[in-house]
C-alpha atoms as a PDB file:
ATOM      1  CA  MET A   1      -2.791 -15.693 -10.153  1.00  0.00           C
ATOM      2  CA  LEU A   2       0.355 -17.721 -11.141  1.00  0.00           C
ATOM      3  CA  ILE A   3       2.201 -14.727 -11.127  1.00  0.00           C
ATOM      4  CA  SER A   4       1.320 -13.166  -8.087  1.00  0.00           C
ATOM      5  CA  THR A   5       1.546 -16.426  -6.172  1.00  0.00           C
ATOM      6  CA  GLU A   6       5.107 -16.677  -7.711  1.00  0.00           C
ATOM      7  CA  ARG A   7       6.023 -13.035  -6.407  1.00  0.00           C
ATOM      8  CA  TYR A   8       4.827 -13.885  -3.328  1.00  0.00           C
ATOM      9  CA  MET A   9       7.079 -16.926  -2.731  1.00  0.00           C
ATOM     10  CA  ALA A  10      10.141 -14.896  -3.755  1.00  0.00           C
ATOM     11  CA  VAL A  11       9.501 -12.211  -1.417  1.00  0.00           C
ATOM     12  CA  CYS A  12       8.580 -14.431   1.731  1.00  0.00           C
ATOM     13  CA  ALA A  13      10.569 -17.519   0.894  1.00  0.00           C
ATOM     14  CA  PRO A  14      13.464 -16.173  -1.238  1.00  0.00           C
ATOM     15  CA  LEU A  15      16.067 -18.835  -0.378  1.00  0.00           C
ATOM     16  CA  THR A  16      13.576 -22.076  -1.476  1.00  0.00           C
ATOM     17  CA  ALA A  17      11.478 -19.701  -4.190  1.00  0.00           C
ATOM     18  CA  TYR A  18      14.250 -21.218  -6.814  1.00  0.00           C
ATOM     19  CA  ARG A  19      12.978 -24.714  -6.129  1.00  0.00           C
ATOM     20  CA  ILE A  20      10.013 -24.412  -8.157  1.00  0.00           C
ATOM     21  CA  GLY A  21      10.512 -26.476 -11.248  1.00  0.00           C
ATOM     22  CA  ARG A  22       9.084 -26.775 -14.345  1.00  0.00           C
ATOM     23  CA  ARG A  23       6.992 -29.517 -13.907  1.00  0.00           C
ATOM     24  CA  ARG A  24       5.211 -27.615 -10.629  1.00  0.00           C
ATOM     25  CA  LEU A  25       4.841 -24.761 -13.358  1.00  0.00           C
ATOM     26  CA  ARG A  26       3.350 -26.929 -15.921  1.00  0.00           C
ATOM     27  CA  TYR A  27       1.049 -28.255 -13.256  1.00  0.00           C
ATOM     28  CA  ALA A  28      -0.174 -24.919 -11.997  1.00  0.00           C
ATOM     29  CA  VAL A  29      -0.745 -23.676 -16.035  1.00  0.00           C
ATOM     30  CA  VAL A  30      -2.698 -26.648 -16.789  1.00  0.00           C
ATOM     31  CA  VAL A  31      -4.733 -26.169 -13.049  1.00  0.00           C
ATOM     32  CA  ILE A  32      -5.333 -22.589 -14.151  1.00  0.00           C
ATOM     33  CA  VAL A  33      -6.336 -23.181 -17.824  1.00  0.00           C
ATOM     34  CA  ALA A  34      -8.779 -25.973 -16.755  1.00  0.00           C
ATOM     35  CA  ALA A  35     -10.376 -23.818 -13.940  1.00  0.00           C
ATOM     36  CA  SER A  36     -10.818 -20.757 -16.335  1.00  0.00           C
ATOM     37  CA  VAL A  37     -12.594 -23.121 -19.029  1.00  0.00           C
ATOM     38  CA  ALA A  38     -14.708 -24.730 -16.227  1.00  0.00           C
ATOM     39  CA  PHE A  39     -15.878 -21.456 -15.289  1.00  0.00           C
ATOM     40  CA  ASN A  40     -17.122 -19.862 -18.377  1.00  0.00           C
ATOM     41  CA  VAL A  41     -18.602 -22.888 -20.486  1.00  0.00           C
ATOM     42  CA  PRO A  42     -21.968 -22.121 -18.965  1.00  0.00           C
ATOM     43  CA  ARG A  43     -21.858 -18.557 -20.768  1.00  0.00           C
ATOM     44  CA  PHE A  44     -21.000 -20.273 -23.806  1.00  0.00           C
ATOM     45  CA  PHE A  45     -24.641 -21.721 -23.548  1.00  0.00           C
ATOM     46  CA  GLU A  46     -26.424 -18.358 -22.883  1.00  0.00           C
ATOM     47  CA  PHE A  47     -26.421 -16.786 -25.913  1.00  0.00           C
ATOM     48  CA  ARG A  48     -26.972 -18.114 -29.718  1.00  0.00           C
ATOM     49  CA  PRO A  49     -25.654 -16.640 -32.827  1.00  0.00           C
ATOM     50  CA  THR A  50     -28.237 -15.844 -35.471  1.00  0.00           C
ATOM     51  CA  THR A  51     -27.812 -13.970 -38.984  1.00  0.00           C
ATOM     52  CA  VAL A  52     -29.832 -10.948 -39.718  1.00  0.00           C
ATOM     53  CA  SER A  53     -30.182  -9.404 -43.067  1.00  0.00           C
ATOM     54  CA  PHE A  54     -30.440  -5.609 -43.531  1.00  0.00           C
ATOM     55  CA  THR A  55     -29.900  -3.178 -46.197  1.00  0.00           C
ATOM     56  CA  PRO A  56     -27.140  -0.537 -45.255  1.00  0.00           C
ATOM     57  CA  PRO A  57     -28.735   3.203 -45.189  1.00  0.00           C
ATOM     58  CA  SER A  58     -25.947   4.582 -47.536  1.00  0.00           C
ATOM     59  CA  GLY A  59     -23.970   3.068 -49.766  1.00  0.00           C
ATOM     60  CA  PRO A  60     -23.998   2.080 -53.807  1.00  0.00           C
ATOM     61  CA  PRO A  61     -26.617   3.368 -55.747  1.00  0.00           C
ATOM     62  CA  SER A  62     -28.017  -0.319 -56.312  1.00  0.00           C
ATOM     63  CA  PRO A  63     -29.940  -1.841 -53.195  1.00  0.00           C
ATOM     64  CA  THR A  64     -27.222  -4.561 -51.543  1.00  0.00           C
ATOM     65  CA  THR A  65     -28.482  -6.911 -48.734  1.00  0.00           C
ATOM     66  CA  MET A  66     -25.723  -7.369 -45.900  1.00  0.00           C
ATOM     67  CA  THR A  67     -25.761 -10.194 -43.470  1.00  0.00           C
ATOM     68  CA  MET A  68     -24.706  -9.656 -39.992  1.00  0.00           C
ATOM     69  CA  ILE A  69     -24.225 -12.244 -37.236  1.00  0.00           C
ATOM     70  CA  VAL A  70     -25.921 -11.206 -33.945  1.00  0.00           C
ATOM     71  CA  LEU A  71     -26.043 -12.990 -30.506  1.00  0.00           C
ATOM     72  CA  GLU A  72     -29.459 -13.587 -29.393  1.00  0.00           C
ATOM     73  CA  ASP A  73     -30.094 -14.492 -25.640  1.00  0.00           C
ATOM     74  CA  THR A  74     -31.137 -18.309 -24.957  1.00  0.00           C
ATOM     75  CA  TRP A  75     -33.595 -18.955 -22.306  1.00  0.00           C
ATOM     76  CA  LEU A  76     -30.676 -19.768 -19.972  1.00  0.00           C
ATOM     77  CA  ARG A  77     -29.796 -16.076 -19.538  1.00  0.00           C
ATOM     78  CA  TYR A  78     -33.304 -15.795 -18.107  1.00  0.00           C
ATOM     79  CA  ASP A  79     -33.623 -18.562 -16.052  1.00  0.00           C
ATOM     80  CA  GLU A  80     -33.402 -17.038 -12.076  1.00  0.00           C
ATOM     81  CA  VAL A  81     -31.963 -20.523 -10.924  1.00  0.00           C
ATOM     82  CA  TYR A  82     -29.329 -20.579 -13.237  1.00  0.00           C
ATOM     83  CA  GLN A  83     -28.496 -16.998 -12.585  1.00  0.00           C
ATOM     84  CA  TYR A  84     -28.412 -17.456  -8.445  1.00  0.00           C
ATOM     85  CA  VAL A  85     -26.357 -20.749  -8.832  1.00  0.00           C
ATOM     86  CA  TYR A  86     -23.430 -19.569 -11.255  1.00  0.00           C
ATOM     87  CA  ASN A  87     -23.480 -15.917  -9.363  1.00  0.00           C
ATOM     88  CA  THR A  88     -23.001 -18.118  -5.985  1.00  0.00           C
ATOM     89  CA  ALA A  89     -20.664 -20.278  -7.539  1.00  0.00           C
ATOM     90  CA  ILE A  90     -18.347 -17.554  -8.785  1.00  0.00           C
ATOM     91  CA  TYR A  91     -18.792 -15.976  -5.249  1.00  0.00           C
ATOM     92  CA  VAL A  92     -17.413 -19.297  -3.691  1.00  0.00           C
ATOM     93  CA  TYR A  93     -14.528 -19.843  -6.027  1.00  0.00           C
ATOM     94  CA  ASP A  94     -13.638 -16.013  -5.912  1.00  0.00           C
ATOM     95  CA  ARG A  95     -13.547 -15.440  -2.423  1.00  0.00           C
ATOM     96  CA  VAL A  96     -13.272 -18.673  -0.469  1.00  0.00           C
ATOM     97  CA  GLY A  97     -11.030 -20.525  -3.271  1.00  0.00           C
ATOM     98  CA  LEU A  98      -8.490 -17.738  -3.374  1.00  0.00           C
ATOM     99  CA  PHE A  99      -8.469 -16.985   0.078  1.00  0.00           C
ATOM    100  CA  ASP A 100      -7.831 -20.826   0.985  1.00  0.00           C
ATOM    101  CA  ILE A 101      -5.161 -20.890  -1.916  1.00  0.00           C
ATOM    102  CA  THR A 102      -3.473 -17.844  -0.052  1.00  0.00           C
ATOM    103  CA  MET A 103      -3.604 -19.494   3.297  1.00  0.00           C
ATOM    104  CA  ILE A 104      -2.117 -22.660   1.626  1.00  0.00           C
ATOM    105  CA  CYS A 105       0.915 -20.738  -0.051  1.00  0.00           C
ATOM    106  CA  ASN A 106       1.396 -18.778   3.231  1.00  0.00           C
ATOM    107  CA  ARG A 107       1.770 -21.902   5.278  1.00  0.00           C
ATOM    108  CA  LEU A 108       3.870 -23.626   2.838  1.00  0.00           C
ATOM    109  CA  ALA A 109       5.969 -20.540   2.896  1.00  0.00           C
ATOM    110  CA  CYS A 110       6.492 -20.253   6.659  1.00  0.00           C
ATOM    111  CA  SER A 111       7.306 -24.139   6.940  1.00  0.00           C
END
């Protein structure tokens, strides 16, 4: 998103696009990283790593037990209220939030 915003500014306002300094760039990167982390944190709680022991079907003559880590679903994965709220938040962020950012950039480029 940051690259597309920078390209938008370079095309729509080429004479003022060079004034986007390092300070603004760092601020934009911090905001995007923070939004990405906040957006994905709930997904980490939908799964729980568990270990599973198994014997491989083919291998050395002596039976060897191997351990594998598998992600299992938690109760949060099946909670309908959580899914509704999270998907609604994704929709609002994706449709409304990005549209507002585009409108702000357009307003800044025109003024």
